[in-house]
Each structure stands twice: as structure tokens, then as C-alpha cells.
């Protein structure tokens, strides 16, 4: 369905087009960005030392399908975080989010040899939460009212998956594909 490729500054304009508002920017990128997103902000983000930034490309026609980042890569403790997950607006609701998470987990566990991958997701983002649970993530915490957006506060669920759990989910999914 998709393949991951390194995100480059040549991909920045399309990414910026996918972000329609300050609220959406906060949901996607957290407090580290200011709306409207600029090339300068993206350049600083892309070149951070402890992360790998990817674009997802549709295998059949090369369409940009999404964006995802592995951040806080800690080789000593074999852990990292998934962040800045976004599916091309024209492709949402078609399974690309699950494919994106699946591919980045494969990269984290097989290429980077991680033991643990975590993420934070706003509690109102039910589609993303369902996607992460399907991939094997477990809720590990609830951080209440941690981000202010205009006149309200947003809460986050902390979620994580261990290599052993990912391997179990992957085995079940492989069995379902073979059986189905």
C-alpha cells in the first residue's frame, strides 16, 4: 500500500497545504510550531538530531499518502516516540493511517532495534486512538489539560508498545491474512 521515504524540504509545501488551521497544527505538531507553518519551521524540525522524519508514498502511483516522525530516538535505552502523524486529507478513512503506523513500527523495531515505542494522542482523536490500539499500543497514562488551545485545555493519552507486543500483533495479523 505505502512505503516510507525520507522527508525532504521538497515535500514541505505539500505538508503545509494539509494543515488548514492553528487547531489542526496543534493536534498534528504540538506546541513546537506556530500557525501558519513556514518553511523555516519545517527546516528546523527536519534537521533535529534525534529523529527520523518520513513521508509515506502510495506504492502504485507515487502519491504522497502521509507524514510520520520517529522522535526522541534513544539508542542506549532502545526507545523512541511516534509523532507528527498525518494522512493526506484526500486519502483519510481508507486505511492509510494503519499502514503508516505499521510501517514506522516495522522500521523502529527492525531497523533501529527499539525495545519500546511510545506516543501521545489527544483524547478527542478517537480515530487515531483506534488506529494505535489496532497496532497493539496500550494506554499507559492520561495527562489532563496539558495543552491550551484558545479558551480550552486539551488532554493527552500516553500510549506505548513493546517489541514483544508488536511481534504478537504482527503474527496475528499475518495469520489473518493467510487464513482470510
C-alpha atoms as a PDB file:
ATOM      1  CA  UNK A   1       0.000   0.000   0.000  1.00  0.00           C
ATOM      2  CA  UNK A   2       2.677   2.522   1.060  1.00  0.00           C
ATOM      3  CA  UNK A   3       6.407   2.801   1.544  1.00  0.00           C
ATOM      4  CA  UNK A   4       8.309   5.188   3.792  1.00  0.00           C
ATOM      5  CA  UNK A   5      10.865   7.563   2.312  1.00  0.00           C
ATOM      6  CA  UNK A   6      12.938  10.266   3.989  1.00  0.00           C
ATOM      7  CA  UNK A   7      11.026  13.552   4.191  1.00  0.00           C
ATOM      8  CA  UNK A   8      12.879  16.377   2.434  1.00  0.00           C
ATOM      9  CA  UNK A   9      12.320  20.100   2.154  1.00  0.00           C
ATOM     10  CA  UNK A  10      10.947  19.391  -1.329  1.00  0.00           C
ATOM     11  CA  UNK A  11       7.956  17.807   0.451  1.00  0.00           C
ATOM     12  CA  UNK A  12       7.333  20.802   2.734  1.00  0.00           C
ATOM     13  CA  UNK A  13       4.875  22.765   0.571  1.00  0.00           C
ATOM     14  CA  UNK A  14       2.512  19.810   0.257  1.00  0.00           C
ATOM     15  CA  UNK A  15       2.694  19.149   4.002  1.00  0.00           C
ATOM     16  CA  UNK A  16       1.895  22.801   4.709  1.00  0.00           C
ATOM     17  CA  UNK A  17      -1.151  22.555   2.407  1.00  0.00           C
ATOM     18  CA  UNK A  18      -2.511  19.715   4.556  1.00  0.00           C
ATOM     19  CA  UNK A  19      -2.679  21.950   7.668  1.00  0.00           C
ATOM     20  CA  UNK A  20      -5.803  24.149   7.482  1.00  0.00           C
ATOM     21  CA  UNK A  21      -5.799  25.796  10.933  1.00  0.00           C
ATOM     22  CA  UNK A  22      -3.952  26.522  14.149  1.00  0.00           C
ATOM     23  CA  UNK A  23      -6.039  23.899  15.947  1.00  0.00           C
ATOM     24  CA  UNK A  24      -5.071  21.271  13.409  1.00  0.00           C
ATOM     25  CA  UNK A  25      -1.416  22.305  13.632  1.00  0.00           C
ATOM     26  CA  UNK A  26      -1.542  21.849  17.423  1.00  0.00           C
ATOM     27  CA  UNK A  27      -3.158  18.439  17.011  1.00  0.00           C
ATOM     28  CA  UNK A  28      -0.523  17.364  14.481  1.00  0.00           C
ATOM     29  CA  UNK A  29       2.630  19.050  15.703  1.00  0.00           C
ATOM     30  CA  UNK A  30       2.080  20.045  19.314  1.00  0.00           C
ATOM     31  CA  UNK A  31       3.277  23.334  20.778  1.00  0.00           C
ATOM     32  CA  UNK A  32       6.549  23.388  18.839  1.00  0.00           C
ATOM     33  CA  UNK A  33       5.026  25.050  15.777  1.00  0.00           C
ATOM     34  CA  UNK A  34       3.230  28.354  15.178  1.00  0.00           C
ATOM     35  CA  UNK A  35       0.428  28.733  12.636  1.00  0.00           C
ATOM     36  CA  UNK A  36       0.777  29.292   9.770  1.00  0.00           C
ATOM     37  CA  UNK A  37       3.511  26.718   9.353  1.00  0.00           C
ATOM     38  CA  UNK A  38       6.542  28.059   7.464  1.00  0.00           C
ATOM     39  CA  UNK A  39       9.464  26.551   5.576  1.00  0.00           C
ATOM     40  CA  UNK A  40      11.799  27.807   8.317  1.00  0.00           C
ATOM     41  CA  UNK A  41       9.850  25.930  10.998  1.00  0.00           C
ATOM     42  CA  UNK A  42       9.855  22.743   8.938  1.00  0.00           C
ATOM     43  CA  UNK A  43      13.575  23.045   8.207  1.00  0.00           C
ATOM     44  CA  UNK A  44      14.390  23.211  11.926  1.00  0.00           C
ATOM     45  CA  UNK A  45      12.141  20.229  12.601  1.00  0.00           C
ATOM     46  CA  UNK A  46      13.534  18.079   9.771  1.00  0.00           C
ATOM     47  CA  UNK A  47      17.150  18.591  10.825  1.00  0.00           C
ATOM     48  CA  UNK A  48      16.775  17.726  14.544  1.00  0.00           C
ATOM     49  CA  UNK A  49      19.411  15.173  15.538  1.00  0.00           C
ATOM     50  CA  UNK A  50      17.412  12.571  17.475  1.00  0.00           C
ATOM     51  CA  UNK A  51      14.682  11.823  14.958  1.00  0.00           C
ATOM     52  CA  UNK A  52      13.823  10.321  11.586  1.00  0.00           C
ATOM     53  CA  UNK A  53      11.193  12.141   9.528  1.00  0.00           C
ATOM     54  CA  UNK A  54       9.327  10.256   6.808  1.00  0.00           C
ATOM     55  CA  UNK A  55       6.819  10.797   4.071  1.00  0.00           C
ATOM     56  CA  UNK A  56       4.599   7.909   3.088  1.00  0.00           C
ATOM     57  CA  UNK A  57       4.233   7.302  -0.627  1.00  0.00           C
ATOM     58  CA  UNK A  58       1.481   5.301  -2.318  1.00  0.00           C
ATOM     59  CA  UNK A  59       3.288   2.379  -3.964  1.00  0.00           C
ATOM     60  CA  UNK A  60       1.085   2.157  -7.054  1.00  0.00           C
ATOM     61  CA  UNK A  61       1.309   5.781  -8.225  1.00  0.00           C
ATOM     62  CA  UNK A  62       3.763   7.701  -6.020  1.00  0.00           C
ATOM     63  CA  UNK A  63       1.084   9.916  -4.436  1.00  0.00           C
ATOM     64  CA  UNK A  64       2.105  11.449  -1.110  1.00  0.00           C
ATOM     65  CA  UNK A  65      -0.013   9.452   1.334  1.00  0.00           C
ATOM     66  CA  UNK A  66       1.142  10.793   4.693  1.00  0.00           C
ATOM     67  CA  UNK A  67       3.788  12.006   7.093  1.00  0.00           C
ATOM     68  CA  UNK A  68       5.230  10.499  10.277  1.00  0.00           C
ATOM     69  CA  UNK A  69       8.212  11.010  12.569  1.00  0.00           C
ATOM     70  CA  UNK A  70      10.170   8.862  14.993  1.00  0.00           C
ATOM     71  CA  UNK A  71      11.466  11.300  17.586  1.00  0.00           C
ATOM     72  CA  UNK A  72      13.422  11.081  20.811  1.00  0.00           C
ATOM     73  CA  UNK A  73      15.412   8.169  19.411  1.00  0.00           C
ATOM     74  CA  UNK A  74      17.370   6.812  22.372  1.00  0.00           C
ATOM     75  CA  UNK A  75      19.710   4.041  21.224  1.00  0.00           C
ATOM     76  CA  UNK A  76      21.001   3.336  24.744  1.00  0.00           C
ATOM     77  CA  UNK A  77      17.530   2.663  26.143  1.00  0.00           C
ATOM     78  CA  UNK A  78      16.188   1.361  22.818  1.00  0.00           C
ATOM     79  CA  UNK A  79      13.168   3.644  22.818  1.00  0.00           C
ATOM     80  CA  UNK A  80      11.602   6.317  20.649  1.00  0.00           C
ATOM     81  CA  UNK A  81       8.307   8.122  20.063  1.00  0.00           C
ATOM     82  CA  UNK A  82       5.969   8.282  17.128  1.00  0.00           C
ATOM     83  CA  UNK A  83       5.000  11.873  16.476  1.00  0.00           C
ATOM     84  CA  UNK A  84       3.535  14.156  13.840  1.00  0.00           C
ATOM     85  CA  UNK A  85       1.327  11.555  12.188  1.00  0.00           C
ATOM     86  CA  UNK A  86      -0.800  12.802   9.312  1.00  0.00           C
ATOM     87  CA  UNK A  87      -2.568  11.186   6.375  1.00  0.00           C
ATOM     88  CA  UNK A  88      -3.107  13.094   3.135  1.00  0.00           C
ATOM     89  CA  UNK A  89      -6.610  14.626   3.540  1.00  0.00           C
ATOM     90  CA  UNK A  90      -7.724  13.104   0.205  1.00  0.00           C
ATOM     91  CA  UNK A  91      -6.870   9.598   1.475  1.00  0.00           C
ATOM     92  CA  UNK A  92      -8.297   9.646   5.016  1.00  0.00           C
ATOM     93  CA  UNK A  93     -10.644   6.871   6.080  1.00  0.00           C
ATOM     94  CA  UNK A  94      -9.085   4.329   3.699  1.00  0.00           C
ATOM     95  CA  UNK A  95      -6.633   2.515   5.988  1.00  0.00           C
ATOM     96  CA  UNK A  96      -3.602   4.673   5.296  1.00  0.00           C
ATOM     97  CA  UNK A  97      -3.220   5.642   8.958  1.00  0.00           C
ATOM     98  CA  UNK A  98      -2.925   1.988   9.958  1.00  0.00           C
ATOM     99  CA  UNK A  99      -0.461   1.345   7.137  1.00  0.00           C
ATOM    100  CA  UNK A 100       1.608   4.370   8.160  1.00  0.00           C
ATOM    101  CA  UNK A 101       1.812   3.250  11.799  1.00  0.00           C
ATOM    102  CA  UNK A 102       2.550  -0.337  10.756  1.00  0.00           C
ATOM    103  CA  UNK A 103       5.437   0.715   8.514  1.00  0.00           C
ATOM    104  CA  UNK A 104       7.023   3.051  11.049  1.00  0.00           C
ATOM    105  CA  UNK A 105       6.778   0.388  13.773  1.00  0.00           C
ATOM    106  CA  UNK A 106       8.484  -2.088  11.440  1.00  0.00           C
ATOM    107  CA  UNK A 107      11.263   0.475  10.906  1.00  0.00           C
ATOM    108  CA  UNK A 108      11.578   1.218  14.639  1.00  0.00           C
ATOM    109  CA  UNK A 109      11.742  -2.413  15.729  1.00  0.00           C
ATOM    110  CA  UNK A 110      13.623  -3.991  12.818  1.00  0.00           C
ATOM    111  CA  UNK A 111      15.906  -1.209  11.564  1.00  0.00           C
ATOM    112  CA  UNK A 112      16.561   0.777  14.752  1.00  0.00           C
ATOM    113  CA  UNK A 113      16.282  -2.257  17.065  1.00  0.00           C
ATOM    114  CA  UNK A 114      14.000  -0.459  19.511  1.00  0.00           C
ATOM    115  CA  UNK A 115      12.530  -2.207  22.548  1.00  0.00           C
ATOM    116  CA  UNK A 116       9.765   0.341  23.134  1.00  0.00           C
ATOM    117  CA  UNK A 117       7.834   2.879  21.060  1.00  0.00           C
ATOM    118  CA  UNK A 118       5.527   5.441  22.653  1.00  0.00           C
ATOM    119  CA  UNK A 119       3.287   8.282  21.542  1.00  0.00           C
ATOM    120  CA  UNK A 120       0.886  10.914  22.823  1.00  0.00           C
ATOM    121  CA  UNK A 121      -2.573  11.429  21.330  1.00  0.00           C
ATOM    122  CA  UNK A 122      -5.255  13.958  22.191  1.00  0.00           C
ATOM    123  CA  UNK A 123      -8.160  12.231  23.942  1.00  0.00           C
ATOM    124  CA  UNK A 124     -10.714  13.541  21.431  1.00  0.00           C
ATOM    125  CA  UNK A 125      -8.881  11.978  18.455  1.00  0.00           C
ATOM    126  CA  UNK A 126     -10.882   8.751  18.521  1.00  0.00           C
ATOM    127  CA  UNK A 127      -9.879   7.605  15.021  1.00  0.00           C
ATOM    128  CA  UNK A 128      -6.180   7.861  15.866  1.00  0.00           C
ATOM    129  CA  UNK A 129      -6.670   6.107  19.214  1.00  0.00           C
ATOM    130  CA  UNK A 130      -8.460   3.224  17.454  1.00  0.00           C
ATOM    131  CA  UNK A 131      -5.642   3.047  14.889  1.00  0.00           C
ATOM    132  CA  UNK A 132      -2.981   2.885  17.607  1.00  0.00           C
ATOM    133  CA  UNK A 133      -4.883   0.225  19.576  1.00  0.00           C
ATOM    134  CA  UNK A 134      -5.247  -1.866  16.407  1.00  0.00           C
ATOM    135  CA  UNK A 135      -1.450  -1.665  16.010  1.00  0.00           C
ATOM    136  CA  UNK A 136      -1.021  -3.009  19.565  1.00  0.00           C
ATOM    137  CA  UNK A 137      -0.469   0.170  21.568  1.00  0.00           C
ATOM    138  CA  UNK A 138      -1.709   0.197  25.146  1.00  0.00           C
ATOM    139  CA  UNK A 139      -2.818   3.253  27.071  1.00  0.00           C
ATOM    140  CA  UNK A 140      -0.249   3.958  29.776  1.00  0.00           C
ATOM    141  CA  UNK A 141      -1.380   7.293  31.127  1.00  0.00           C
ATOM    142  CA  UNK A 142      -3.721  10.260  30.921  1.00  0.00           C
ATOM    143  CA  UNK A 143      -2.192  13.725  31.023  1.00  0.00           C
ATOM    144  CA  UNK A 144      -5.029  16.105  31.812  1.00  0.00           C
ATOM    145  CA  UNK A 145      -5.388  19.645  30.450  1.00  0.00           C
ATOM    146  CA  UNK A 146      -1.790  19.830  29.235  1.00  0.00           C
ATOM    147  CA  UNK A 147      -2.211  21.912  26.049  1.00  0.00           C
ATOM    148  CA  UNK A 148      -4.081  25.192  25.838  1.00  0.00           C
ATOM    149  CA  UNK A 149      -5.868  25.951  22.588  1.00  0.00           C
ATOM    150  CA  UNK A 150      -7.671  29.292  22.620  1.00  0.00           C
ATOM    151  CA  UNK A 151     -10.056  29.136  25.606  1.00  0.00           C
ATOM    152  CA  UNK A 152      -9.879  25.421  26.344  1.00  0.00           C
ATOM    153  CA  UNK A 153      -7.385  22.840  27.509  1.00  0.00           C
ATOM    154  CA  UNK A 154      -6.703  19.556  25.734  1.00  0.00           C
ATOM    155  CA  UNK A 155      -5.754  16.293  27.448  1.00  0.00           C
ATOM    156  CA  UNK A 156      -3.479  13.565  26.095  1.00  0.00           C
ATOM    157  CA  UNK A 157      -3.350   9.795  26.402  1.00  0.00           C
ATOM    158  CA  UNK A 158       0.150   8.356  26.603  1.00  0.00           C
ATOM    159  CA  UNK A 159       0.363   5.061  24.741  1.00  0.00           C
ATOM    160  CA  UNK A 160       3.163   2.567  24.243  1.00  0.00           C
ATOM    161  CA  UNK A 161       4.065  -0.735  22.645  1.00  0.00           C
ATOM    162  CA  UNK A 162       6.944  -3.104  23.393  1.00  0.00           C
ATOM    163  CA  UNK A 163       8.749  -5.158  20.756  1.00  0.00           C
ATOM    164  CA  UNK A 164       7.269  -8.400  22.163  1.00  0.00           C
ATOM    165  CA  UNK A 165       3.724  -6.979  21.898  1.00  0.00           C
ATOM    166  CA  UNK A 166       4.366  -5.754  18.350  1.00  0.00           C
ATOM    167  CA  UNK A 167       5.642  -9.197  17.340  1.00  0.00           C
ATOM    168  CA  UNK A 168       2.470 -10.790  18.760  1.00  0.00           C
ATOM    169  CA  UNK A 169       0.184  -8.370  16.891  1.00  0.00           C
ATOM    170  CA  UNK A 170       2.186  -8.850  13.703  1.00  0.00           C
ATOM    171  CA  UNK A 171       1.906 -12.653  13.993  1.00  0.00           C
ATOM    172  CA  UNK A 172      -1.877 -12.449  14.466  1.00  0.00           C
ATOM    173  CA  UNK A 173      -2.259 -10.079  11.510  1.00  0.00           C
ATOM    174  CA  UNK A 174      -0.104 -12.334   9.313  1.00  0.00           C
ATOM    175  CA  UNK A 175      -2.226 -15.343  10.317  1.00  0.00           C
ATOM    176  CA  UNK A 176      -5.430 -13.428   9.471  1.00  0.00           C
ATOM    177  CA  UNK A 177      -4.073 -12.544   6.023  1.00  0.00           C
ATOM    178  CA  UNK A 178      -3.128 -16.182   5.342  1.00  0.00           C
ATOM    179  CA  UNK A 179      -6.454 -17.531   6.706  1.00  0.00           C
ATOM    180  CA  UNK A 180      -8.668 -14.851   5.188  1.00  0.00           C
END
